[in-house]
Amino acid sequence: MAVDVEESSENLYHERQHFQFCLLHCLNNLLQGENCFTRDELDSIADGLPTAITGSSVPNPLSLIFKPHRNTVTGNYDANVLISALNARGREAVWFDRRKGVEDLLSEVAGYGDRLLGMIVNFSTKKWLGMWQGRHWVAIRKLQGMWYNLDSDNAAPICFVNGENGLGDYLSWVISSEGVVIFVLNSSDIPSDVNS
């Protein structure tokens, strides 16, 4: 993926990747503050979500590690935890229909105006020479008048130096890789400059 970006970390909060806690890092990077969410809080949200009824009464020893909405050891929270966490902070998650294309996506970004806090993207990733495949959560936010990729896998926030064009190139890559884009909106009673 060739995107015109430059690294910048001026006064921006940026958590780095730890195990599979990319959703935790993504939320804190989006809200721009350490401990806007904690592991304990996301665990509590995950454990409080309804679980599917499997119909089996036989205990599964793996269920101690692989909970329905998270992995107890490494994190790896699902989208249900994301939505519930955002709702707990008065934010709304709106999924973009990737069949529309990047032009429509950028039009929706503009249409949300001040209600748009930022975006969260999720895409497939391969690590350790392709031996491990999973999905990764990344926060995208406009800060100091510029769009930033706040990916916890990066050493620092990355600024899209071409503004909307650079952002569009990145989001086009996400969509073409069968990733998802989620708009994160402030409630109408939360100003757009409030971080947590």
N, C-alpha and C. Protein backbone atom coordinates (compact mmCIF):
# COMPACT_ATOMS: atom_id res chain seq x y z
N MET A 1 0.84 -1.16 0.00
CA MET A 1 0.00 0.00 0.00
C MET A 1 0.90 1.23 0.00
N ALA A 2 0.84 2.04 -1.03
CA ALA A 2 1.62 3.26 -1.11
C ALA A 2 0.73 4.44 -0.74
N VAL A 3 1.00 5.05 0.40
CA VAL A 3 0.23 6.20 0.85
C VAL A 3 1.22 7.29 1.23
N ASP A 4 0.95 8.53 0.80
CA ASP A 4 1.85 9.64 1.08
C ASP A 4 1.64 10.11 2.51
N VAL A 5 2.54 9.68 3.40
CA VAL A 5 2.43 10.03 4.82
C VAL A 5 3.78 10.46 5.35
N GLU A 6 3.74 11.15 6.45
CA GLU A 6 4.98 11.45 7.17
C GLU A 6 4.73 11.22 8.64
N GLU A 7 5.76 10.79 9.35
CA GLU A 7 5.60 10.54 10.78
C GLU A 7 5.64 11.87 11.53
N SER A 8 4.77 11.98 12.52
CA SER A 8 4.73 13.15 13.37
C SER A 8 4.12 12.74 14.69
N SER A 9 4.65 13.24 15.77
CA SER A 9 4.09 12.88 17.06
C SER A 9 3.94 14.09 17.97
N GLU A 10 3.85 15.28 17.38
CA GLU A 10 3.74 16.50 18.16
C GLU A 10 2.50 16.47 19.04
N ASN A 11 2.70 16.38 20.34
CA ASN A 11 1.62 16.53 21.31
C ASN A 11 0.43 15.60 21.09
N LEU A 12 0.62 14.49 20.42
CA LEU A 12 -0.48 13.54 20.21
C LEU A 12 -0.27 12.33 21.10
N TYR A 13 -1.36 11.84 21.65
CA TYR A 13 -1.27 10.63 22.46
C TYR A 13 -1.26 9.42 21.53
N HIS A 14 -0.36 8.46 21.82
CA HIS A 14 -0.25 7.28 20.95
C HIS A 14 0.19 6.07 21.77
N GLU A 15 -0.71 5.10 21.92
CA GLU A 15 -0.36 3.85 22.58
C GLU A 15 0.19 2.86 21.57
N ARG A 16 1.19 2.11 21.99
CA ARG A 16 1.80 1.09 21.15
C ARG A 16 1.16 -0.27 21.40
N GLN A 17 1.26 -1.15 20.42
CA GLN A 17 0.66 -2.48 20.46
C GLN A 17 1.25 -3.35 21.56
N HIS A 18 0.37 -4.04 22.27
CA HIS A 18 0.74 -4.99 23.31
C HIS A 18 -0.18 -6.19 23.18
N PHE A 19 0.38 -7.37 22.97
CA PHE A 19 -0.40 -8.59 22.71
C PHE A 19 -1.44 -8.30 21.63
N GLN A 20 -2.71 -8.69 21.88
CA GLN A 20 -3.78 -8.44 20.92
C GLN A 20 -4.76 -7.40 21.47
N PHE A 21 -4.24 -6.43 22.18
CA PHE A 21 -5.08 -5.39 22.76
C PHE A 21 -5.24 -4.20 21.82
N CYS A 22 -5.25 -4.45 20.51
CA CYS A 22 -5.33 -3.35 19.57
C CYS A 22 -6.63 -2.56 19.72
N LEU A 23 -7.74 -3.20 20.14
CA LEU A 23 -8.98 -2.44 20.33
C LEU A 23 -8.81 -1.47 21.50
N LEU A 24 -8.21 -1.90 22.58
CA LEU A 24 -7.94 -1.02 23.72
C LEU A 24 -7.08 0.16 23.29
N HIS A 25 -5.99 -0.12 22.58
CA HIS A 25 -5.09 0.94 22.11
C HIS A 25 -5.81 1.86 21.13
N CYS A 26 -6.60 1.26 20.25
CA CYS A 26 -7.35 2.02 19.24
C CYS A 26 -8.28 3.03 19.92
N LEU A 27 -9.03 2.57 20.92
CA LEU A 27 -9.97 3.46 21.61
C LEU A 27 -9.23 4.58 22.34
N ASN A 28 -8.15 4.25 23.04
CA ASN A 28 -7.38 5.28 23.75
C ASN A 28 -6.72 6.25 22.79
N ASN A 29 -6.24 5.76 21.65
CA ASN A 29 -5.66 6.64 20.65
C ASN A 29 -6.73 7.54 20.03
N LEU A 30 -7.90 6.99 19.78
CA LEU A 30 -9.00 7.77 19.22
C LEU A 30 -9.42 8.87 20.18
N LEU A 31 -9.56 8.54 21.46
CA LEU A 31 -10.01 9.51 22.47
C LEU A 31 -8.85 10.35 23.00
N GLN A 32 -7.63 10.03 22.57
CA GLN A 32 -6.43 10.80 22.88
C GLN A 32 -6.13 10.89 24.37
N GLY A 33 -6.17 9.75 25.06
CA GLY A 33 -5.80 9.78 26.45
C GLY A 33 -5.50 8.41 27.02
N GLU A 34 -4.48 8.35 27.86
CA GLU A 34 -4.14 7.12 28.54
C GLU A 34 -5.28 6.76 29.49
N ASN A 35 -5.66 5.52 29.47
CA ASN A 35 -6.71 4.99 30.35
C ASN A 35 -8.08 5.62 30.13
N CYS A 36 -8.34 6.16 28.92
CA CYS A 36 -9.73 6.50 28.59
C CYS A 36 -10.54 5.23 28.75
N PHE A 37 -9.92 4.13 28.33
CA PHE A 37 -10.44 2.79 28.61
C PHE A 37 -9.30 1.98 29.21
N THR A 38 -9.64 1.06 30.08
CA THR A 38 -8.65 0.15 30.66
C THR A 38 -9.00 -1.27 30.25
N ARG A 39 -8.03 -2.14 30.41
CA ARG A 39 -8.26 -3.56 30.12
C ARG A 39 -9.39 -4.10 31.00
N ASP A 40 -9.40 -3.73 32.27
CA ASP A 40 -10.45 -4.19 33.18
C ASP A 40 -11.83 -3.75 32.70
N GLU A 41 -11.92 -2.51 32.22
CA GLU A 41 -13.22 -2.02 31.75
C GLU A 41 -13.68 -2.77 30.49
N LEU A 42 -12.77 -2.97 29.54
CA LEU A 42 -13.16 -3.71 28.33
C LEU A 42 -13.49 -5.16 28.66
N ASP A 43 -12.74 -5.77 29.59
CA ASP A 43 -13.06 -7.13 30.02
C ASP A 43 -14.47 -7.18 30.62
N SER A 44 -14.79 -6.20 31.45
CA SER A 44 -16.11 -6.14 32.08
C SER A 44 -17.21 -5.96 31.03
N ILE A 45 -16.96 -5.10 30.05
CA ILE A 45 -17.93 -4.91 28.97
C ILE A 45 -18.12 -6.22 28.22
N ALA A 46 -17.01 -6.87 27.85
CA ALA A 46 -17.07 -8.13 27.09
C ALA A 46 -17.82 -9.21 27.86
N ASP A 47 -17.51 -9.32 29.15
CA ASP A 47 -18.14 -10.37 29.96
C ASP A 47 -19.60 -10.08 30.24
N GLY A 48 -20.01 -8.83 30.12
CA GLY A 48 -21.40 -8.46 30.35
C GLY A 48 -22.29 -8.58 29.13
N LEU A 49 -21.68 -8.82 27.98
CA LEU A 49 -22.46 -8.94 26.74
C LEU A 49 -23.13 -10.31 26.67
N PRO A 50 -24.30 -10.36 26.04
CA PRO A 50 -24.95 -11.67 25.91
C PRO A 50 -24.11 -12.63 25.08
N THR A 51 -24.25 -13.91 25.38
CA THR A 51 -23.54 -14.94 24.63
C THR A 51 -24.54 -15.79 23.87
N ALA A 52 -24.10 -16.37 22.80
CA ALA A 52 -24.96 -17.25 22.01
C ALA A 52 -25.20 -18.54 22.77
N ILE A 53 -26.39 -19.06 22.65
CA ILE A 53 -26.71 -20.34 23.28
C ILE A 53 -26.26 -21.44 22.35
N THR A 54 -25.35 -22.28 22.83
CA THR A 54 -24.79 -23.32 21.97
C THR A 54 -25.61 -24.60 22.00
N GLY A 55 -26.43 -24.76 23.02
CA GLY A 55 -27.24 -25.98 23.11
C GLY A 55 -26.50 -27.14 23.74
N SER A 56 -25.22 -26.95 24.06
CA SER A 56 -24.45 -28.01 24.66
C SER A 56 -24.26 -27.73 26.14
N SER A 57 -24.48 -28.73 26.96
CA SER A 57 -24.28 -28.56 28.40
C SER A 57 -22.93 -29.11 28.84
N VAL A 58 -22.14 -29.59 27.89
CA VAL A 58 -20.81 -30.13 28.20
C VAL A 58 -19.83 -28.98 28.36
N PRO A 59 -19.17 -28.85 29.52
CA PRO A 59 -18.20 -27.76 29.70
C PRO A 59 -17.04 -27.89 28.71
N ASN A 60 -16.60 -26.74 28.25
CA ASN A 60 -15.48 -26.69 27.33
C ASN A 60 -14.31 -26.02 28.05
N PRO A 61 -13.20 -26.73 28.29
CA PRO A 61 -12.08 -26.13 29.02
C PRO A 61 -11.49 -24.91 28.31
N LEU A 62 -11.61 -24.83 26.99
CA LEU A 62 -11.09 -23.67 26.27
C LEU A 62 -11.89 -22.40 26.55
N SER A 63 -13.13 -22.56 27.07
CA SER A 63 -13.95 -21.39 27.34
C SER A 63 -13.39 -20.53 28.46
N LEU A 64 -12.44 -21.06 29.22
CA LEU A 64 -11.79 -20.26 30.25
C LEU A 64 -10.86 -19.22 29.62
N ILE A 65 -10.35 -19.51 28.44
CA ILE A 65 -9.46 -18.58 27.73
C ILE A 65 -10.21 -17.84 26.63
N PHE A 66 -10.93 -18.58 25.79
CA PHE A 66 -11.61 -18.00 24.64
C PHE A 66 -13.06 -17.70 25.01
N LYS A 67 -13.26 -16.53 25.58
CA LYS A 67 -14.60 -16.08 25.94
C LYS A 67 -15.31 -15.67 24.65
N PRO A 68 -16.65 -15.55 24.68
CA PRO A 68 -17.38 -15.21 23.45
C PRO A 68 -16.95 -13.89 22.80
N HIS A 69 -16.53 -12.89 23.59
CA HIS A 69 -16.23 -11.59 23.01
C HIS A 69 -14.78 -11.13 23.23
N ARG A 70 -13.94 -12.05 23.75
CA ARG A 70 -12.54 -11.69 23.98
C ARG A 70 -11.73 -12.94 24.30
N ASN A 71 -10.41 -12.78 24.21
CA ASN A 71 -9.47 -13.80 24.67
C ASN A 71 -8.95 -13.32 26.02
N THR A 72 -9.09 -14.12 27.06
CA THR A 72 -8.74 -13.67 28.42
C THR A 72 -7.25 -13.42 28.60
N VAL A 73 -6.41 -14.02 27.79
CA VAL A 73 -4.97 -13.85 27.94
C VAL A 73 -4.45 -12.69 27.09
N THR A 74 -4.79 -12.69 25.81
CA THR A 74 -4.18 -11.74 24.89
C THR A 74 -5.05 -10.55 24.54
N GLY A 75 -6.32 -10.56 24.91
CA GLY A 75 -7.21 -9.46 24.52
C GLY A 75 -8.08 -9.89 23.37
N ASN A 76 -7.81 -9.37 22.19
CA ASN A 76 -8.53 -9.72 20.97
C ASN A 76 -10.04 -9.57 21.14
N TYR A 77 -10.48 -8.34 21.44
CA TYR A 77 -11.89 -8.04 21.63
C TYR A 77 -12.60 -7.97 20.28
N ASP A 78 -13.91 -8.28 20.30
CA ASP A 78 -14.67 -8.24 19.05
C ASP A 78 -15.43 -6.92 18.89
N ALA A 79 -16.15 -6.79 17.78
CA ALA A 79 -16.86 -5.55 17.45
C ALA A 79 -17.96 -5.23 18.45
N ASN A 80 -18.53 -6.23 19.09
CA ASN A 80 -19.57 -5.97 20.09
C ASN A 80 -19.00 -5.18 21.26
N VAL A 81 -17.77 -5.46 21.63
CA VAL A 81 -17.11 -4.73 22.72
C VAL A 81 -16.86 -3.29 22.27
N LEU A 82 -16.41 -3.12 21.04
CA LEU A 82 -16.18 -1.78 20.49
C LEU A 82 -17.45 -0.93 20.58
N ILE A 83 -18.55 -1.45 20.07
CA ILE A 83 -19.80 -0.69 20.05
C ILE A 83 -20.26 -0.36 21.46
N SER A 84 -20.21 -1.33 22.37
CA SER A 84 -20.63 -1.09 23.75
C SER A 84 -19.73 -0.08 24.44
N ALA A 85 -18.43 -0.16 24.20
CA ALA A 85 -17.48 0.78 24.81
C ALA A 85 -17.75 2.20 24.32
N LEU A 86 -17.95 2.36 23.02
CA LEU A 86 -18.24 3.69 22.48
C LEU A 86 -19.55 4.23 23.05
N ASN A 87 -20.57 3.38 23.12
CA ASN A 87 -21.85 3.80 23.69
C ASN A 87 -21.70 4.24 25.13
N ALA A 88 -20.82 3.57 25.89
CA ALA A 88 -20.59 3.93 27.29
C ALA A 88 -19.99 5.33 27.43
N ARG A 89 -19.37 5.83 26.37
CA ARG A 89 -18.80 7.19 26.39
C ARG A 89 -19.64 8.17 25.57
N GLY A 90 -20.89 7.80 25.29
CA GLY A 90 -21.76 8.70 24.55
C GLY A 90 -21.41 8.85 23.09
N ARG A 91 -20.75 7.84 22.54
CA ARG A 91 -20.39 7.86 21.12
C ARG A 91 -21.23 6.82 20.38
N GLU A 92 -21.36 7.04 19.09
CA GLU A 92 -22.15 6.14 18.25
C GLU A 92 -21.25 5.58 17.15
N ALA A 93 -21.38 4.30 16.88
CA ALA A 93 -20.63 3.66 15.80
C ALA A 93 -21.56 3.47 14.61
N VAL A 94 -21.15 3.97 13.45
CA VAL A 94 -21.93 3.83 12.22
C VAL A 94 -21.04 3.14 11.19
N TRP A 95 -21.45 1.96 10.75
CA TRP A 95 -20.66 1.18 9.81
C TRP A 95 -20.84 1.72 8.40
N PHE A 96 -19.74 1.87 7.69
CA PHE A 96 -19.79 2.29 6.29
C PHE A 96 -19.97 1.08 5.40
N ASP A 97 -20.85 1.20 4.42
CA ASP A 97 -21.09 0.13 3.44
C ASP A 97 -19.99 0.21 2.38
N ARG A 98 -19.01 -0.68 2.47
CA ARG A 98 -17.84 -0.60 1.59
C ARG A 98 -18.17 -0.82 0.11
N ARG A 99 -19.37 -1.29 -0.20
CA ARG A 99 -19.75 -1.45 -1.60
C ARG A 99 -19.91 -0.09 -2.29
N LYS A 100 -20.05 0.96 -1.50
CA LYS A 100 -20.24 2.31 -2.05
C LYS A 100 -18.96 2.89 -2.64
N GLY A 101 -17.82 2.59 -2.07
CA GLY A 101 -16.56 3.12 -2.57
C GLY A 101 -16.07 4.32 -1.77
N VAL A 102 -14.82 4.68 -2.02
CA VAL A 102 -14.15 5.69 -1.21
C VAL A 102 -14.70 7.10 -1.44
N GLU A 103 -15.20 7.39 -2.64
CA GLU A 103 -15.76 8.73 -2.89
C GLU A 103 -16.95 8.97 -1.98
N ASP A 104 -17.83 7.97 -1.88
CA ASP A 104 -18.99 8.09 -0.99
C ASP A 104 -18.54 8.16 0.47
N LEU A 105 -17.50 7.42 0.80
CA LEU A 105 -16.99 7.43 2.17
C LEU A 105 -16.53 8.85 2.54
N LEU A 106 -15.75 9.48 1.68
CA LEU A 106 -15.26 10.82 1.97
C LEU A 106 -16.40 11.83 2.00
N SER A 107 -17.42 11.61 1.19
CA SER A 107 -18.61 12.46 1.21
C SER A 107 -19.34 12.33 2.56
N GLU A 108 -19.42 11.11 3.07
CA GLU A 108 -20.05 10.90 4.38
C GLU A 108 -19.22 11.54 5.49
N VAL A 109 -17.88 11.46 5.38
CA VAL A 109 -17.01 12.11 6.36
C VAL A 109 -17.35 13.60 6.42
N ALA A 110 -17.44 14.24 5.26
CA ALA A 110 -17.76 15.67 5.20
C ALA A 110 -19.17 15.94 5.73
N GLY A 111 -20.10 15.04 5.42
CA GLY A 111 -21.49 15.22 5.83
C GLY A 111 -21.71 15.15 7.33
N TYR A 112 -20.90 14.40 8.02
CA TYR A 112 -21.05 14.30 9.47
C TYR A 112 -20.57 15.56 10.19
N GLY A 113 -19.71 16.33 9.55
CA GLY A 113 -19.26 17.59 10.12
C GLY A 113 -18.66 17.42 11.51
N ASP A 114 -19.07 18.30 12.42
CA ASP A 114 -18.51 18.31 13.78
C ASP A 114 -18.91 17.11 14.62
N ARG A 115 -19.93 16.36 14.21
CA ARG A 115 -20.31 15.17 14.98
C ARG A 115 -19.28 14.05 14.83
N LEU A 116 -18.49 14.08 13.76
CA LEU A 116 -17.51 13.02 13.52
C LEU A 116 -16.30 13.20 14.43
N LEU A 117 -16.14 12.26 15.36
CA LEU A 117 -14.95 12.26 16.21
C LEU A 117 -13.76 11.70 15.43
N GLY A 118 -14.01 10.64 14.67
CA GLY A 118 -12.96 9.99 13.90
C GLY A 118 -13.51 8.72 13.28
N MET A 119 -12.61 7.86 12.86
CA MET A 119 -12.99 6.59 12.26
C MET A 119 -12.17 5.47 12.89
N ILE A 120 -12.74 4.30 12.88
CA ILE A 120 -12.01 3.10 13.27
C ILE A 120 -12.07 2.15 12.09
N VAL A 121 -10.92 1.61 11.71
CA VAL A 121 -10.88 0.63 10.63
C VAL A 121 -10.43 -0.71 11.20
N ASN A 122 -10.85 -1.76 10.53
CA ASN A 122 -10.49 -3.11 10.93
C ASN A 122 -10.17 -3.89 9.67
N PHE A 123 -9.02 -4.54 9.66
CA PHE A 123 -8.61 -5.28 8.46
C PHE A 123 -7.81 -6.50 8.86
N SER A 124 -7.67 -7.43 7.92
CA SER A 124 -6.87 -8.64 8.14
C SER A 124 -5.40 -8.28 8.17
N THR A 125 -4.67 -9.01 9.01
CA THR A 125 -3.24 -8.80 9.10
C THR A 125 -2.54 -10.14 9.27
N LYS A 126 -1.32 -10.21 8.76
CA LYS A 126 -0.50 -11.41 8.93
C LYS A 126 0.78 -11.00 9.63
N LYS A 127 1.20 -11.81 10.58
CA LYS A 127 2.43 -11.53 11.32
C LYS A 127 3.25 -12.80 11.42
N TRP A 128 4.47 -12.62 11.89
CA TRP A 128 5.40 -13.73 12.09
C TRP A 128 5.53 -14.56 10.82
N LEU A 129 5.96 -13.88 9.76
CA LEU A 129 6.21 -14.50 8.46
C LEU A 129 4.96 -15.19 7.91
N GLY A 130 3.80 -14.61 8.19
CA GLY A 130 2.55 -15.14 7.67
C GLY A 130 2.01 -16.34 8.40
N MET A 131 2.66 -16.72 9.50
CA MET A 131 2.22 -17.91 10.24
C MET A 131 1.00 -17.61 11.12
N TRP A 132 0.78 -16.33 11.44
CA TRP A 132 -0.36 -15.96 12.27
C TRP A 132 -1.19 -14.94 11.51
N GLN A 133 -2.49 -15.18 11.42
CA GLN A 133 -3.38 -14.25 10.75
C GLN A 133 -4.49 -13.84 11.70
N GLY A 134 -4.80 -12.58 11.71
CA GLY A 134 -5.86 -12.07 12.57
C GLY A 134 -6.43 -10.80 11.98
N ARG A 135 -7.10 -10.02 12.82
CA ARG A 135 -7.65 -8.74 12.41
C ARG A 135 -7.11 -7.68 13.34
N HIS A 136 -7.06 -6.45 12.84
CA HIS A 136 -6.42 -5.37 13.57
C HIS A 136 -7.31 -4.13 13.57
N TRP A 137 -7.46 -3.49 14.75
CA TRP A 137 -8.24 -2.26 14.91
C TRP A 137 -7.29 -1.06 14.86
N VAL A 138 -7.68 -0.02 14.11
CA VAL A 138 -6.86 1.19 13.96
C VAL A 138 -7.75 2.42 14.06
N ALA A 139 -7.30 3.43 14.81
CA ALA A 139 -8.02 4.70 14.91
C ALA A 139 -7.48 5.68 13.88
N ILE A 140 -8.39 6.43 13.27
CA ILE A 140 -8.06 7.50 12.33
C ILE A 140 -8.76 8.75 12.87
N ARG A 141 -8.02 9.83 13.02
CA ARG A 141 -8.65 11.02 13.58
C ARG A 141 -8.01 12.28 13.03
N LYS A 142 -8.83 13.32 12.89
CA LYS A 142 -8.33 14.62 12.48
C LYS A 142 -7.95 15.39 13.74
N LEU A 143 -6.67 15.73 13.85
CA LEU A 143 -6.14 16.43 15.01
C LEU A 143 -5.25 17.56 14.51
N GLN A 144 -5.31 18.68 15.14
CA GLN A 144 -4.49 19.83 14.76
C GLN A 144 -4.67 20.15 13.27
N GLY A 145 -5.88 19.94 12.75
CA GLY A 145 -6.19 20.26 11.36
C GLY A 145 -5.72 19.25 10.33
N MET A 146 -5.12 18.13 10.78
CA MET A 146 -4.61 17.12 9.86
C MET A 146 -5.17 15.75 10.23
N TRP A 147 -5.32 14.88 9.23
CA TRP A 147 -5.76 13.51 9.48
C TRP A 147 -4.55 12.66 9.88
N TYR A 148 -4.75 11.84 10.93
CA TYR A 148 -3.68 10.99 11.43
C TYR A 148 -4.12 9.53 11.49
N ASN A 149 -3.19 8.65 11.13
CA ASN A 149 -3.34 7.22 11.34
C ASN A 149 -2.69 6.94 12.69
N LEU A 150 -3.51 6.50 13.67
CA LEU A 150 -3.02 6.28 15.03
C LEU A 150 -2.83 4.79 15.31
N ASP A 151 -2.39 4.05 14.31
CA ASP A 151 -2.19 2.60 14.40
C ASP A 151 -1.19 2.27 15.50
N SER A 152 -1.60 1.41 16.43
CA SER A 152 -0.73 1.04 17.55
C SER A 152 0.46 0.19 17.10
N ASP A 153 0.43 -0.35 15.89
CA ASP A 153 1.59 -1.08 15.37
C ASP A 153 2.69 -0.14 14.90
N ASN A 154 2.37 1.13 14.68
CA ASN A 154 3.36 2.11 14.23
C ASN A 154 4.09 2.70 15.43
N ALA A 155 5.31 3.17 15.22
CA ALA A 155 6.12 3.74 16.30
C ALA A 155 5.55 5.08 16.77
N ALA A 156 4.82 5.77 15.91
CA ALA A 156 4.27 7.09 16.23
C ALA A 156 3.05 7.33 15.34
N PRO A 157 2.24 8.34 15.67
CA PRO A 157 1.13 8.69 14.76
C PRO A 157 1.69 9.05 13.39
N ILE A 158 0.93 8.74 12.36
CA ILE A 158 1.36 9.05 11.00
C ILE A 158 0.36 10.02 10.39
N CYS A 159 0.87 11.15 9.93
CA CYS A 159 0.04 12.20 9.35
C CYS A 159 -0.13 11.95 7.85
N PHE A 160 -1.36 12.06 7.38
CA PHE A 160 -1.61 11.99 5.94
C PHE A 160 -1.28 13.37 5.37
N VAL A 161 -0.09 13.52 4.81
CA VAL A 161 0.38 14.84 4.38
C VAL A 161 -0.43 15.39 3.21
N ASN A 162 -1.08 14.55 2.47
CA ASN A 162 -1.93 15.02 1.38
C ASN A 162 -3.37 15.20 1.82
N GLY A 163 -3.60 15.31 3.11
CA GLY A 163 -4.94 15.59 3.63
C GLY A 163 -5.95 14.55 3.21
N GLU A 164 -7.07 15.04 2.66
CA GLU A 164 -8.18 14.16 2.25
C GLU A 164 -7.73 13.16 1.19
N ASN A 165 -6.82 13.55 0.30
CA ASN A 165 -6.36 12.63 -0.74
C ASN A 165 -5.58 11.46 -0.14
N GLY A 166 -4.68 11.76 0.80
CA GLY A 166 -3.93 10.70 1.47
C GLY A 166 -4.84 9.81 2.29
N LEU A 167 -5.79 10.44 2.98
CA LEU A 167 -6.78 9.68 3.75
C LEU A 167 -7.59 8.79 2.81
N GLY A 168 -8.01 9.35 1.68
CA GLY A 168 -8.78 8.58 0.70
C GLY A 168 -8.00 7.39 0.16
N ASP A 169 -6.71 7.57 -0.09
CA ASP A 169 -5.88 6.46 -0.57
C ASP A 169 -5.82 5.34 0.47
N TYR A 170 -5.64 5.71 1.73
CA TYR A 170 -5.57 4.71 2.80
C TYR A 170 -6.90 3.98 2.95
N LEU A 171 -8.00 4.74 2.98
CA LEU A 171 -9.31 4.11 3.14
C LEU A 171 -9.69 3.27 1.93
N SER A 172 -9.23 3.66 0.77
CA SER A 172 -9.44 2.85 -0.43
C SER A 172 -8.74 1.50 -0.28
N TRP A 173 -7.52 1.51 0.26
CA TRP A 173 -6.80 0.27 0.52
C TRP A 173 -7.56 -0.59 1.51
N VAL A 174 -8.08 0.02 2.60
CA VAL A 174 -8.84 -0.72 3.61
C VAL A 174 -10.04 -1.40 2.96
N ILE A 175 -10.79 -0.64 2.16
CA ILE A 175 -11.99 -1.18 1.53
C ILE A 175 -11.64 -2.29 0.54
N SER A 176 -10.60 -2.08 -0.27
CA SER A 176 -10.22 -3.08 -1.26
C SER A 176 -9.66 -4.35 -0.62
N SER A 177 -9.19 -4.25 0.64
CA SER A 177 -8.70 -5.42 1.35
C SER A 177 -9.80 -6.08 2.17
N GLU A 178 -11.03 -5.73 1.86
CA GLU A 178 -12.20 -6.26 2.56
C GLU A 178 -12.20 -5.91 4.04
N GLY A 179 -11.58 -4.75 4.34
CA GLY A 179 -11.63 -4.23 5.70
C GLY A 179 -12.92 -3.46 5.90
N VAL A 180 -13.13 -3.02 7.13
CA VAL A 180 -14.33 -2.25 7.44
C VAL A 180 -13.92 -0.87 7.95
N VAL A 181 -14.81 0.10 7.71
CA VAL A 181 -14.63 1.45 8.20
C VAL A 181 -15.85 1.78 9.05
N ILE A 182 -15.59 2.27 10.25
CA ILE A 182 -16.65 2.62 11.18
C ILE A 182 -16.49 4.09 11.54
N PHE A 183 -17.54 4.88 11.31
CA PHE A 183 -17.53 6.27 11.73
C PHE A 183 -17.85 6.31 13.21
N VAL A 184 -17.11 7.11 13.95
CA VAL A 184 -17.38 7.29 15.38
C VAL A 184 -17.92 8.71 15.55
N LEU A 185 -19.19 8.78 15.96
CA LEU A 185 -19.88 10.06 16.08
C LEU A 185 -20.07 10.43 17.53
N ASN A 186 -19.93 11.72 17.81
CA ASN A 186 -20.27 12.25 19.12
C ASN A 186 -21.78 12.35 19.22
N SER A 187 -22.31 12.14 20.39
CA SER A 187 -23.72 12.44 20.62
C SER A 187 -23.91 13.92 20.40
N SER A 188 -25.13 14.31 20.10
CA SER A 188 -25.38 15.72 19.81
C SER A 188 -25.07 16.62 20.99
N ASP A 189 -25.06 16.08 22.22
CA ASP A 189 -24.76 16.89 23.40
C ASP A 189 -23.30 16.85 23.82
N ILE A 190 -22.43 16.17 23.04
CA ILE A 190 -21.00 16.13 23.34
C ILE A 190 -20.25 16.95 22.30
N PRO A 191 -19.57 18.02 22.71
CA PRO A 191 -18.79 18.80 21.74
C PRO A 191 -17.71 17.94 21.09
N SER A 192 -17.36 18.25 19.85
CA SER A 192 -16.39 17.44 19.10
C SER A 192 -14.98 17.53 19.66
N ASP A 193 -14.67 18.53 20.48
CA ASP A 193 -13.31 18.65 20.99
C ASP A 193 -13.13 17.98 22.34
N VAL A 194 -14.17 17.32 22.86
CA VAL A 194 -14.06 16.60 24.13
C VAL A 194 -13.42 15.24 23.85
N ASN A 195 -12.38 14.88 24.58
CA ASN A 195 -11.60 13.69 24.26
C ASN A 195 -12.09 12.43 24.94
N SER A 196 -12.59 12.48 26.13
CA SER A 196 -12.93 11.22 26.81
C SER A 196 -14.38 11.16 27.19
